[in-house]
Amino acid sequence: WALFAVAMLFWSTGMILSAWQDLSGQVASDATYFPISPISC
């Protein structure tokens, strides 16, 4: 459950960066999306 919580933390961080990128026009890093799958697995 702790590992899955960390994956959810990465997911929410990625969503925040994605929102910032889309709504402000800035370019965010996609690095936060990569750890989600391995941690949840």
Full PDB file with SEQRES, HELIX, SHEET, SSBOND, CRYST1, ORIGX, SCALE, CONECT and MASTER records, all heavy atoms in Angstrom:
SEQRES   1 A   41  TRP ALA LEU PHE ALA VAL ALA MET LEU PHE TRP SER THR          
SEQRES   2 A   41  GLY MET ILE LEU SER ALA TRP GLN ASP LEU SER GLY GLN          
SEQRES   3 A   41  VAL ALA SER ASP ALA THR TYR PHE PRO ILE SER PRO ILE          
SEQRES   4 A   41  SER CYS                                                      
HELIX    1 AA1 ALA A    2  SER A   24  1                                  23    
HELIX    2 AA2 ILE A   36  SER A   40  1                                   5    
CRYST1    1.000    1.000    1.000  90.00  90.00  90.00 P 1           1          
ORIGX1      1.000000  0.000000  0.000000        0.00000                         
ORIGX2      0.000000  1.000000  0.000000        0.00000                         
ORIGX3      0.000000  0.000000  1.000000        0.00000                         
SCALE1      1.000000  0.000000  0.000000        0.00000                         
SCALE2      0.000000  1.000000  0.000000        0.00000                         
SCALE3      0.000000  0.000000  1.000000        0.00000                         
ATOM      1  N   TRP A   1       0.831  -1.215   0.000  1.00  0.00           N  
ATOM      2  CA  TRP A   1       0.000   0.000   0.000  1.00  0.00           C  
ATOM      3  C   TRP A   1       0.858   1.254   0.000  1.00  0.00           C  
ATOM      4  O   TRP A   1       0.513   2.256  -0.632  1.00  0.00           O  
ATOM      5  CB  TRP A   1      -0.954  -0.002   1.188  1.00  0.00           C  
ATOM      6  CG  TRP A   1      -2.117  -0.917   0.962  1.00  0.00           C  
ATOM      7  CD1 TRP A   1      -2.380  -2.077   1.625  1.00  0.00           C  
ATOM      8  CD2 TRP A   1      -3.156  -0.758   0.007  1.00  0.00           C  
ATOM      9  NE1 TRP A   1      -3.524  -2.650   1.127  1.00  0.00           N  
ATOM     10  CE2 TRP A   1      -4.021  -1.860   0.136  1.00  0.00           C  
ATOM     11  CE3 TRP A   1      -3.441   0.190  -0.964  1.00  0.00           C  
ATOM     12  CZ2 TRP A   1      -5.160  -2.029  -0.654  1.00  0.00           C  
ATOM     13  CZ3 TRP A   1      -4.572   0.024  -1.757  1.00  0.00           C  
ATOM     14  CH2 TRP A   1      -5.415  -1.068  -1.599  1.00  0.00           C  
ATOM     15  N   ALA A   2       1.986   1.220   0.689  1.00  0.00           N  
ATOM     16  CA  ALA A   2       2.873   2.386   0.700  1.00  0.00           C  
ATOM     17  C   ALA A   2       3.458   2.642  -0.692  1.00  0.00           C  
ATOM     18  O   ALA A   2       3.544   3.791  -1.133  1.00  0.00           O  
ATOM     19  CB  ALA A   2       3.992   2.187   1.720  1.00  0.00           C  
ATOM     20  N   LEU A   3       3.842   1.576  -1.391  1.00  0.00           N  
ATOM     21  CA  LEU A   3       4.363   1.740  -2.748  1.00  0.00           C  
ATOM     22  C   LEU A   3       3.286   2.278  -3.690  1.00  0.00           C  
ATOM     23  O   LEU A   3       3.556   3.119  -4.547  1.00  0.00           O  
ATOM     24  CB  LEU A   3       4.896   0.406  -3.283  1.00  0.00           C  
ATOM     25  CG  LEU A   3       6.247  -0.032  -2.740  1.00  0.00           C  
ATOM     26  CD1 LEU A   3       6.546  -1.456  -3.181  1.00  0.00           C  
ATOM     27  CD2 LEU A   3       7.337   0.905  -3.202  1.00  0.00           C  
ATOM     28  N   PHE A   4       2.060   1.794  -3.524  1.00  0.00           N  
ATOM     29  CA  PHE A   4       0.987   2.293  -4.369  1.00  0.00           C  
ATOM     30  C   PHE A   4       0.688   3.758  -4.036  1.00  0.00           C  
ATOM     31  O   PHE A   4       0.361   4.537  -4.927  1.00  0.00           O  
ATOM     32  CB  PHE A   4      -0.265   1.425  -4.208  1.00  0.00           C  
ATOM     33  CG  PHE A   4      -1.201   1.545  -5.362  1.00  0.00           C  
ATOM     34  CD1 PHE A   4      -0.835   1.115  -6.621  1.00  0.00           C  
ATOM     35  CD2 PHE A   4      -2.448   2.102  -5.195  1.00  0.00           C  
ATOM     36  CE1 PHE A   4      -1.698   1.233  -7.697  1.00  0.00           C  
ATOM     37  CE2 PHE A   4      -3.317   2.226  -6.264  1.00  0.00           C  
ATOM     38  CZ  PHE A   4      -2.944   1.792  -7.519  1.00  0.00           C  
ATOM     39  N   ALA A   5       0.822   4.146  -2.770  1.00  0.00           N  
ATOM     40  CA  ALA A   5       0.642   5.551  -2.392  1.00  0.00           C  
ATOM     41  C   ALA A   5       1.708   6.425  -3.061  1.00  0.00           C  
ATOM     42  O   ALA A   5       1.409   7.531  -3.525  1.00  0.00           O  
ATOM     43  CB  ALA A   5       0.695   5.699  -0.875  1.00  0.00           C  
ATOM     44  N   VAL A   6       2.938   5.932  -3.133  1.00  0.00           N  
ATOM     45  CA  VAL A   6       4.001   6.668  -3.811  1.00  0.00           C  
ATOM     46  C   VAL A   6       3.671   6.821  -5.300  1.00  0.00           C  
ATOM     47  O   VAL A   6       3.873   7.893  -5.889  1.00  0.00           O  
ATOM     48  CB  VAL A   6       5.369   5.973  -3.604  1.00  0.00           C  
ATOM     49  CG1 VAL A   6       6.440   6.570  -4.505  1.00  0.00           C  
ATOM     50  CG2 VAL A   6       5.789   6.058  -2.149  1.00  0.00           C  
ATOM     51  N   ALA A   7       3.129   5.766  -5.910  1.00  0.00           N  
ATOM     52  CA  ALA A   7       2.729   5.850  -7.314  1.00  0.00           C  
ATOM     53  C   ALA A   7       1.634   6.906  -7.500  1.00  0.00           C  
ATOM     54  O   ALA A   7       1.651   7.659  -8.479  1.00  0.00           O  
ATOM     55  CB  ALA A   7       2.242   4.489  -7.810  1.00  0.00           C  
ATOM     56  N   MET A   8       0.699   6.979  -6.566  1.00  0.00           N  
ATOM     57  CA  MET A   8      -0.353   7.998  -6.651  1.00  0.00           C  
ATOM     58  C   MET A   8       0.220   9.400  -6.475  1.00  0.00           C  
ATOM     59  O   MET A   8      -0.245  10.361  -7.097  1.00  0.00           O  
ATOM     60  CB  MET A   8      -1.441   7.752  -5.599  1.00  0.00           C  
ATOM     61  CG  MET A   8      -2.268   6.504  -5.823  1.00  0.00           C  
ATOM     62  SD  MET A   8      -3.170   6.541  -7.379  1.00  0.00           S  
ATOM     63  CE  MET A   8      -2.192   5.455  -8.385  1.00  0.00           C  
ATOM     64  N   LEU A   9       1.249   9.531  -5.644  1.00  0.00           N  
ATOM     65  CA  LEU A   9       1.919  10.820  -5.473  1.00  0.00           C  
ATOM     66  C   LEU A   9       2.587  11.245  -6.781  1.00  0.00           C  
ATOM     67  O   LEU A   9       2.477  12.404  -7.202  1.00  0.00           O  
ATOM     68  CB  LEU A   9       2.943  10.738  -4.337  1.00  0.00           C  
ATOM     69  CG  LEU A   9       3.699  12.017  -4.035  1.00  0.00           C  
ATOM     70  CD1 LEU A   9       2.742  13.092  -3.535  1.00  0.00           C  
ATOM     71  CD2 LEU A   9       4.781  11.752  -3.008  1.00  0.00           C  
ATOM     72  N   PHE A  10       3.254  10.293  -7.454  1.00  0.00           N  
ATOM     73  CA  PHE A  10       3.854  10.598  -8.748  1.00  0.00           C  
ATOM     74  C   PHE A  10       2.783  10.962  -9.772  1.00  0.00           C  
ATOM     75  O   PHE A  10       2.976  11.856 -10.594  1.00  0.00           O  
ATOM     76  CB  PHE A  10       4.680   9.417  -9.272  1.00  0.00           C  
ATOM     77  CG  PHE A  10       6.060   9.346  -8.694  1.00  0.00           C  
ATOM     78  CD1 PHE A  10       6.456   8.236  -7.958  1.00  0.00           C  
ATOM     79  CD2 PHE A  10       6.963  10.366  -8.879  1.00  0.00           C  
ATOM     80  CE1 PHE A  10       7.724   8.148  -7.434  1.00  0.00           C  
ATOM     81  CE2 PHE A  10       8.243  10.298  -8.358  1.00  0.00           C  
ATOM     82  CZ  PHE A  10       8.626   9.186  -7.628  1.00  0.00           C  
ATOM     83  N   TRP A  11       1.667  10.248  -9.735  1.00  0.00           N  
ATOM     84  CA  TRP A  11       0.589  10.524 -10.695  1.00  0.00           C  
ATOM     85  C   TRP A  11       0.033  11.931 -10.484  1.00  0.00           C  
ATOM     86  O   TRP A  11      -0.153  12.687 -11.443  1.00  0.00           O  
ATOM     87  CB  TRP A  11      -0.503   9.478 -10.550  1.00  0.00           C  
ATOM     88  CG  TRP A  11      -1.654   9.626 -11.500  1.00  0.00           C  
ATOM     89  CD1 TRP A  11      -1.697  10.341 -12.668  1.00  0.00           C  
ATOM     90  CD2 TRP A  11      -2.941   9.056 -11.362  1.00  0.00           C  
ATOM     91  NE1 TRP A  11      -2.931  10.231 -13.260  1.00  0.00           N  
ATOM     92  CE2 TRP A  11      -3.716   9.440 -12.477  1.00  0.00           C  
ATOM     93  CE3 TRP A  11      -3.535   8.236 -10.410  1.00  0.00           C  
ATOM     94  CZ2 TRP A  11      -5.020   9.045 -12.648  1.00  0.00           C  
ATOM     95  CZ3 TRP A  11      -4.836   7.835 -10.590  1.00  0.00           C  
ATOM     96  CH2 TRP A  11      -5.563   8.246 -11.696  1.00  0.00           C  
ATOM     97  N   SER A  12      -0.228  12.300  -9.239  1.00  0.00           N  
ATOM     98  CA  SER A  12      -0.770  13.640  -8.986  1.00  0.00           C  
ATOM     99  C   SER A  12       0.248  14.715  -9.353  1.00  0.00           C  
ATOM    100  O   SER A  12      -0.124  15.763  -9.895  1.00  0.00           O  
ATOM    101  CB  SER A  12      -1.223  13.779  -7.525  1.00  0.00           C  
ATOM    102  OG  SER A  12      -0.154  13.568  -6.647  1.00  0.00           O  
ATOM    103  N   THR A  13       1.523  14.464  -9.104  1.00  0.00           N  
ATOM    104  CA  THR A  13       2.557  15.420  -9.508  1.00  0.00           C  
ATOM    105  C   THR A  13       2.589  15.560 -11.023  1.00  0.00           C  
ATOM    106  O   THR A  13       2.690  16.679 -11.559  1.00  0.00           O  
ATOM    107  CB  THR A  13       3.935  14.973  -8.991  1.00  0.00           C  
ATOM    108  OG1 THR A  13       3.882  14.828  -7.578  1.00  0.00           O  
ATOM    109  CG2 THR A  13       5.016  15.966  -9.358  1.00  0.00           C  
ATOM    110  N   GLY A  14       2.473  14.442 -11.723  1.00  0.00           N  
ATOM    111  CA  GLY A  14       2.437  14.484 -13.183  1.00  0.00           C  
ATOM    112  C   GLY A  14       1.222  15.232 -13.704  1.00  0.00           C  
ATOM    113  O   GLY A  14       1.318  15.982 -14.681  1.00  0.00           O  
ATOM    114  N   MET A  15       0.081  15.068 -13.052  1.00  0.00           N  
ATOM    115  CA  MET A  15      -1.122  15.781 -13.473  1.00  0.00           C  
ATOM    116  C   MET A  15      -0.975  17.283 -13.233  1.00  0.00           C  
ATOM    117  O   MET A  15      -1.419  18.096 -14.050  1.00  0.00           O  
ATOM    118  CB  MET A  15      -2.359  15.252 -12.740  1.00  0.00           C  
ATOM    119  CG  MET A  15      -2.842  13.913 -13.232  1.00  0.00           C  
ATOM    120  SD  MET A  15      -3.153  13.808 -15.005  1.00  0.00           S  
ATOM    121  CE  MET A  15      -4.307  15.111 -15.269  1.00  0.00           C  
ATOM    122  N   ILE A  16      -0.349  17.647 -12.126  1.00  0.00           N  
ATOM    123  CA  ILE A  16      -0.122  19.071 -11.842  1.00  0.00           C  
ATOM    124  C   ILE A  16       0.807  19.680 -12.897  1.00  0.00           C  
ATOM    125  O   ILE A  16       0.546  20.769 -13.417  1.00  0.00           O  
ATOM    126  CB  ILE A  16       0.433  19.258 -10.415  1.00  0.00           C  
ATOM    127  CG1 ILE A  16      -0.649  18.932  -9.382  1.00  0.00           C  
ATOM    128  CG2 ILE A  16       0.967  20.665 -10.209  1.00  0.00           C  
ATOM    129  CD1 ILE A  16      -0.150  18.788  -7.974  1.00  0.00           C  
ATOM    130  N   LEU A  17       1.871  18.957 -13.238  1.00  0.00           N  
ATOM    131  CA  LEU A  17       2.784  19.453 -14.270  1.00  0.00           C  
ATOM    132  C   LEU A  17       2.110  19.506 -15.634  1.00  0.00           C  
ATOM    133  O   LEU A  17       2.339  20.438 -16.417  1.00  0.00           O  
ATOM    134  CB  LEU A  17       4.042  18.584 -14.328  1.00  0.00           C  
ATOM    135  CG  LEU A  17       5.004  18.734 -13.155  1.00  0.00           C  
ATOM    136  CD1 LEU A  17       6.137  17.724 -13.271  1.00  0.00           C  
ATOM    137  CD2 LEU A  17       5.541  20.139 -13.082  1.00  0.00           C  
ATOM    138  N   SER A  18       1.278  18.519 -15.931  1.00  0.00           N  
ATOM    139  CA  SER A  18       0.555  18.520 -17.201  1.00  0.00           C  
ATOM    140  C   SER A  18      -0.422  19.687 -17.274  1.00  0.00           C  
ATOM    141  O   SER A  18      -0.540  20.344 -18.318  1.00  0.00           O  
ATOM    142  CB  SER A  18      -0.193  17.200 -17.370  1.00  0.00           C  
ATOM    143  OG  SER A  18      -0.914  17.179 -18.566  1.00  0.00           O  
ATOM    144  N   ALA A  19      -1.111  19.967 -16.182  1.00  0.00           N  
ATOM    145  CA  ALA A  19      -2.033  21.108 -16.148  1.00  0.00           C  
ATOM    146  C   ALA A  19      -1.266  22.413 -16.326  1.00  0.00           C  
ATOM    147  O   ALA A  19      -1.700  23.298 -17.086  1.00  0.00           O  
ATOM    148  CB  ALA A  19      -2.798  21.116 -14.822  1.00  0.00           C  
ATOM    149  N   TRP A  20      -0.146  22.517 -15.661  1.00  0.00           N  
ATOM    150  CA  TRP A  20       0.672  23.723 -15.779  1.00  0.00           C  
ATOM    151  C   TRP A  20       1.133  23.910 -17.222  1.00  0.00           C  
ATOM    152  O   TRP A  20       1.086  25.010 -17.774  1.00  0.00           O  
ATOM    153  CB  TRP A  20       1.853  23.631 -14.826  1.00  0.00           C  
ATOM    154  CG  TRP A  20       2.812  24.765 -14.927  1.00  0.00           C  
ATOM    155  CD1 TRP A  20       2.571  26.081 -14.631  1.00  0.00           C  
ATOM    156  CD2 TRP A  20       4.165  24.712 -15.381  1.00  0.00           C  
ATOM    157  NE1 TRP A  20       3.692  26.833 -14.856  1.00  0.00           N  
ATOM    158  CE2 TRP A  20       4.689  26.013 -15.314  1.00  0.00           C  
ATOM    159  CE3 TRP A  20       4.983  23.682 -15.813  1.00  0.00           C  
ATOM    160  CZ2 TRP A  20       5.991  26.303 -15.676  1.00  0.00           C  
ATOM    161  CZ3 TRP A  20       6.281  23.970 -16.170  1.00  0.00           C  
ATOM    162  CH2 TRP A  20       6.773  25.273 -16.110  1.00  0.00           C  
ATOM    163  N   GLN A  21       1.545  22.816 -17.872  1.00  0.00           N  
ATOM    164  CA  GLN A  21       2.007  22.885 -19.245  1.00  0.00           C  
ATOM    165  C   GLN A  21       0.871  23.290 -20.183  1.00  0.00           C  
ATOM    166  O   GLN A  21       1.049  24.163 -21.035  1.00  0.00           O  
ATOM    167  CB  GLN A  21       2.567  21.534 -19.671  1.00  0.00           C  
ATOM    168  CG  GLN A  21       3.047  21.494 -21.107  1.00  0.00           C  
ATOM    169  CD  GLN A  21       3.575  20.128 -21.491  1.00  0.00           C  
ATOM    170  OE1 GLN A  21       3.588  19.207 -20.692  1.00  0.00           O  
ATOM    171  NE2 GLN A  21       4.012  19.990 -22.723  1.00  0.00           N  
ATOM    172  N   ASP A  22      -0.281  22.664 -20.035  1.00  0.00           N  
ATOM    173  CA  ASP A  22      -1.399  22.962 -20.940  1.00  0.00           C  
ATOM    174  C   ASP A  22      -2.009  24.338 -20.711  1.00  0.00           C  
ATOM    175  O   ASP A  22      -2.385  25.026 -21.656  1.00  0.00           O  
ATOM    176  CB  ASP A  22      -2.498  21.909 -20.795  1.00  0.00           C  
ATOM    177  CG  ASP A  22      -2.126  20.595 -21.444  1.00  0.00           C  
ATOM    178  OD1 ASP A  22      -1.120  20.560 -22.179  1.00  0.00           O  
ATOM    179  OD2 ASP A  22      -2.839  19.608 -21.205  1.00  0.00           O  
ATOM    180  N   LEU A  23      -2.132  24.733 -19.458  1.00  0.00           N  
ATOM    181  CA  LEU A  23      -2.846  25.973 -19.162  1.00  0.00           C  
ATOM    182  C   LEU A  23      -1.964  27.212 -19.221  1.00  0.00           C  
ATOM    183  O   LEU A  23      -2.460  28.314 -19.421  1.00  0.00           O  
ATOM    184  CB  LEU A  23      -3.520  25.864 -17.791  1.00  0.00           C  
ATOM    185  CG  LEU A  23      -4.554  24.725 -17.687  1.00  0.00           C  
ATOM    186  CD1 LEU A  23      -5.074  24.608 -16.270  1.00  0.00           C  
ATOM    187  CD2 LEU A  23      -5.678  24.909 -18.677  1.00  0.00           C  
ATOM    188  N   SER A  24      -0.654  27.042 -19.049  1.00  0.00           N  
ATOM    189  CA  SER A  24       0.224  28.209 -19.090  1.00  0.00           C  
ATOM    190  C   SER A  24       1.037  28.304 -20.371  1.00  0.00           C  
ATOM    191  O   SER A  24       1.631  29.336 -20.650  1.00  0.00           O  
ATOM    192  CB  SER A  24       1.180  28.183 -17.892  1.00  0.00           C  
ATOM    193  OG  SER A  24       2.155  27.171 -18.071  1.00  0.00           O  
ATOM    194  N   GLY A  25       1.112  27.219 -21.131  1.00  0.00           N  
ATOM    195  CA  GLY A  25       1.914  27.220 -22.346  1.00  0.00           C  
ATOM    196  C   GLY A  25       3.369  26.898 -22.102  1.00  0.00           C  
ATOM    197  O   GLY A  25       4.161  26.861 -23.038  1.00  0.00           O  
ATOM    198  N   GLN A  26       3.749  26.664 -20.858  1.00  0.00           N  
ATOM    199  CA  GLN A  26       5.124  26.304 -20.535  1.00  0.00           C  
ATOM    200  C   GLN A  26       5.346  24.823 -20.836  1.00  0.00           C  
ATOM    201  O   GLN A  26       4.411  24.049 -20.937  1.00  0.00           O  
ATOM    202  CB  GLN A  26       5.418  26.575 -19.055  1.00  0.00           C  
ATOM    203  CG  GLN A  26       5.226  28.005 -18.642  1.00  0.00           C  
ATOM    204  CD  GLN A  26       6.227  28.939 -19.299  1.00  0.00           C  
ATOM    205  OE1 GLN A  26       7.380  28.602 -19.472  1.00  0.00           O  
ATOM    206  NE2 GLN A  26       5.764  30.123 -19.672  1.00  0.00           N  
ATOM    207  N   VAL A  27       6.601  24.418 -20.915  1.00  0.00           N  
ATOM    208  CA  VAL A  27       6.930  23.020 -21.178  1.00  0.00           C  
ATOM    209  C   VAL A  27       7.365  22.373 -19.865  1.00  0.00           C  
ATOM    210  O   VAL A  27       8.314  22.811 -19.230  1.00  0.00           O  
ATOM    211  CB  VAL A  27       8.056  22.903 -22.227  1.00  0.00           C  
ATOM    212  CG1 VAL A  27       8.431  21.456 -22.438  1.00  0.00           C  
ATOM    213  CG2 VAL A  27       7.627  23.539 -23.531  1.00  0.00           C  
ATOM    214  N   ALA A  28       6.636  21.325 -19.478  1.00  0.00           N  
ATOM    215  CA  ALA A  28       6.965  20.595 -18.252  1.00  0.00           C  
ATOM    216  C   ALA A  28       7.702  19.310 -18.619  1.00  0.00           C  
ATOM    217  O   ALA A  28       7.606  18.816 -19.737  1.00  0.00           O  
ATOM    218  CB  ALA A  28       5.696  20.275 -17.478  1.00  0.00           C  
ATOM    219  N   SER A  29       8.392  18.766 -17.658  1.00  0.00           N  
ATOM    220  CA  SER A  29       9.115  17.520 -17.871  1.00  0.00           C  
ATOM    221  C   SER A  29       8.158  16.337 -17.745  1.00  0.00           C  
ATOM    222  O   SER A  29       7.295  16.307 -16.879  1.00  0.00           O  
ATOM    223  CB  SER A  29      10.218  17.395 -16.824  1.00  0.00           C  
ATOM    224  OG  SER A  29      10.791  16.121 -16.892  1.00  0.00           O  
ATOM    225  N   ASP A  30       8.333  15.354 -18.612  1.00  0.00           N  
ATOM    226  CA  ASP A  30       7.530  14.141 -18.525  1.00  0.00           C  
ATOM    227  C   ASP A  30       8.174  13.095 -17.620  1.00  0.00           C  
ATOM    228  O   ASP A  30       7.707  11.969 -17.544  1.00  0.00           O  
ATOM    229  CB  ASP A  30       7.318  13.534 -19.918  1.00  0.00           C  
ATOM    230  CG  ASP A  30       6.339  14.347 -20.746  1.00  0.00           C  
ATOM    231  OD1 ASP A  30       5.535  15.078 -20.132  1.00  0.00           O  
ATOM    232  OD2 ASP A  30       6.373  14.236 -21.977  1.00  0.00           O  
ATOM    233  N   ALA A  31       9.227  13.456 -16.925  1.00  0.00           N  
ATOM    234  CA  ALA A  31       9.950  12.498 -16.092  1.00  0.00           C  
ATOM    235  C   ALA A  31       9.089  11.955 -14.956  1.00  0.00           C  
ATOM    236  O   ALA A  31       9.317  10.847 -14.488  1.00  0.00           O  
ATOM    237  CB  ALA A  31      11.207  13.151 -15.519  1.00  0.00           C  
ATOM    238  N   THR A  32       8.105  12.695 -14.507  1.00  0.00           N  
ATOM    239  CA  THR A  32       7.288  12.219 -13.392  1.00  0.00           C  
ATOM    240  C   THR A  32       6.330  11.111 -13.809  1.00  0.00           C  
ATOM    241  O   THR A  32       5.833  10.389 -12.964  1.00  0.00           O  
ATOM    242  CB  THR A  32       6.473  13.372 -12.779  1.00  0.00           C  
ATOM    243  OG1 THR A  32       5.723  13.982 -13.819  1.00  0.00           O  
ATOM    244  CG2 THR A  32       7.363  14.370 -12.109  1.00  0.00           C  
ATOM    245  N   TYR A  33       6.065  10.964 -15.107  1.00  0.00           N  
ATOM    246  CA  TYR A  33       5.150   9.908 -15.551  1.00  0.00           C  
ATOM    247  C   TYR A  33       5.807   8.535 -15.552  1.00  0.00           C  
ATOM    248  O   TYR A  33       5.143   7.532 -15.410  1.00  0.00           O  
ATOM    249  CB  TYR A  33       4.628  10.204 -16.962  1.00  0.00           C  
ATOM    250  CG  TYR A  33       3.721  11.382 -17.044  1.00  0.00           C  
ATOM    251  CD1 TYR A  33       4.140  12.568 -17.643  1.00  0.00           C  
ATOM    252  CD2 TYR A  33       2.450  11.335 -16.505  1.00  0.00           C  
ATOM    253  CE1 TYR A  33       3.301  13.660 -17.728  1.00  0.00           C  
ATOM    254  CE2 TYR A  33       1.603  12.427 -16.571  1.00  0.00           C  
ATOM    255  CZ  TYR A  33       2.035  13.572 -17.192  1.00  0.00           C  
ATOM    256  OH  TYR A  33       1.207  14.648 -17.261  1.00  0.00           O  
ATOM    257  N   PHE A  34       7.104   8.462 -15.752  1.00  0.00           N  
ATOM    258  CA  PHE A  34       7.773   7.183 -15.931  1.00  0.00           C  
ATOM    259  C   PHE A  34       7.748   6.267 -14.706  1.00  0.00           C  
ATOM    260  O   PHE A  34       7.585   5.073 -14.857  1.00  0.00           O  
ATOM    261  CB  PHE A  34       9.211   7.396 -16.414  1.00  0.00           C  
ATOM    262  CG  PHE A  34       9.286   8.057 -17.752  1.00  0.00           C  
ATOM    263  CD1 PHE A  34      10.087   9.158 -17.963  1.00  0.00           C  
ATOM    264  CD2 PHE A  34       8.522   7.595 -18.813  1.00  0.00           C  
ATOM    265  CE1 PHE A  34      10.146   9.768 -19.202  1.00  0.00           C  
ATOM    266  CE2 PHE A  34       8.570   8.210 -20.057  1.00  0.00           C  
ATOM    267  CZ  PHE A  34       9.391   9.298 -20.249  1.00  0.00           C  
ATOM    268  N   PRO A  35       7.925   6.745 -13.477  1.00  0.00           N  
ATOM    269  CA  PRO A  35       7.963   5.819 -12.345  1.00  0.00           C  
ATOM    270  C   PRO A  35       6.611   5.219 -11.966  1.00  0.00           C  
ATOM    271  O   PRO A  35       6.562   4.286 -11.190  1.00  0.00           O  
ATOM    272  CB  PRO A  35       8.478   6.672 -11.180  1.00  0.00           C  
ATOM    273  CG  PRO A  35       8.983   7.922 -11.769  1.00  0.00           C  
ATOM    274  CD  PRO A  35       8.306   8.091 -13.079  1.00  0.00           C  
ATOM    275  N   ILE A  36       5.507   5.712 -12.502  1.00  0.00           N  
ATOM    276  CA  ILE A  36       4.190   5.257 -12.051  1.00  0.00           C  
ATOM    277  C   ILE A  36       4.005   3.765 -12.295  1.00  0.00           C  
ATOM    278  O   ILE A  36       3.648   3.027 -11.393  1.00  0.00           O  
ATOM    279  CB  ILE A  36       3.069   6.061 -12.733  1.00  0.00           C  
ATOM    280  CG1 ILE A  36       3.144   7.511 -12.291  1.00  0.00           C  
ATOM    281  CG2 ILE A  36       1.705   5.479 -12.401  1.00  0.00           C  
ATOM    282  CD1 ILE A  36       2.224   8.425 -13.054  1.00  0.00           C  
ATOM    283  N   SER A  37       4.235   3.298 -13.500  1.00  0.00           N  
ATOM    284  CA  SER A  37       3.985   1.892 -13.819  1.00  0.00           C  
ATOM    285  C   SER A  37       4.876   0.932 -13.037  1.00  0.00           C  
ATOM    286  O   SER A  37       4.360  -0.024 -12.463  1.00  0.00           O  
ATOM    287  CB  SER A  37       4.145   1.652 -15.316  1.00  0.00           C  
ATOM    288  OG  SER A  37       3.135   2.325 -16.005  1.00  0.00           O  
ATOM    289  N   PRO A  38       6.189   1.136 -12.975  1.00  0.00           N  
ATOM    290  CA  PRO A  38       7.002   0.190 -12.207  1.00  0.00           C  
ATOM    291  C   PRO A  38       6.637   0.160 -10.723  1.00  0.00           C  
ATOM    292  O   PRO A  38       6.590  -0.917 -10.124  1.00  0.00           O  
ATOM    293  CB  PRO A  38       8.439   0.692 -12.394  1.00  0.00           C  
ATOM    294  CG  PRO A  38       8.406   1.551 -13.589  1.00  0.00           C  
ATOM    295  CD  PRO A  38       7.021   2.098 -13.691  1.00  0.00           C  
ATOM    296  N   ILE A  39       6.353   1.321 -10.141  1.00  0.00           N  
ATOM    297  CA  ILE A  39       6.023   1.338  -8.711  1.00  0.00           C  
ATOM    298  C   ILE A  39       4.694   0.660  -8.469  1.00  0.00           C  
ATOM    299  O   ILE A  39       4.543  -0.127  -7.542  1.00  0.00           O  
ATOM    300  CB  ILE A  39       6.027   2.783  -8.172  1.00  0.00           C  
ATOM    301  CG1 ILE A  39       7.460   3.314  -8.144  1.00  0.00           C  
ATOM    302  CG2 ILE A  39       5.423   2.841  -6.770  1.00  0.00           C  
ATOM    303  CD1 ILE A  39       7.575   4.763  -7.774  1.00  0.00           C  
ATOM    304  N   SER A  40       3.690   0.895  -9.334  1.00  0.00           N  
ATOM    305  CA  SER A  40       2.408   0.244  -9.109  1.00  0.00           C  
ATOM    306  C   SER A  40       2.482  -1.247  -9.372  1.00  0.00           C  
ATOM    307  O   SER A  40       1.780  -2.006  -8.738  1.00  0.00           O  
ATOM    308  CB  SER A  40       1.283   0.850  -9.924  1.00  0.00           C  
ATOM    309  OG  SER A  40       1.676   1.656 -10.932  1.00  0.00           O  
ATOM    310  N   CYS A  41       3.349  -1.666 -10.280  1.00  0.00           N  
ATOM    311  CA  CYS A  41       3.511  -3.110 -10.495  1.00  0.00           C  
ATOM    312  C   CYS A  41       4.190  -3.770  -9.298  1.00  0.00           C  
ATOM    313  O   CYS A  41       3.861  -4.900  -8.949  1.00  0.00           O  
ATOM    314  CB  CYS A  41       4.326  -3.367 -11.754  1.00  0.00           C  
ATOM    315  SG  CYS A  41       3.425  -2.984 -13.260  1.00  0.00           S  
TER     316      CYS A  41                                                      
MASTER        0    0    0    2    0    0    0    6  315    1    0    4          
END                                                                             
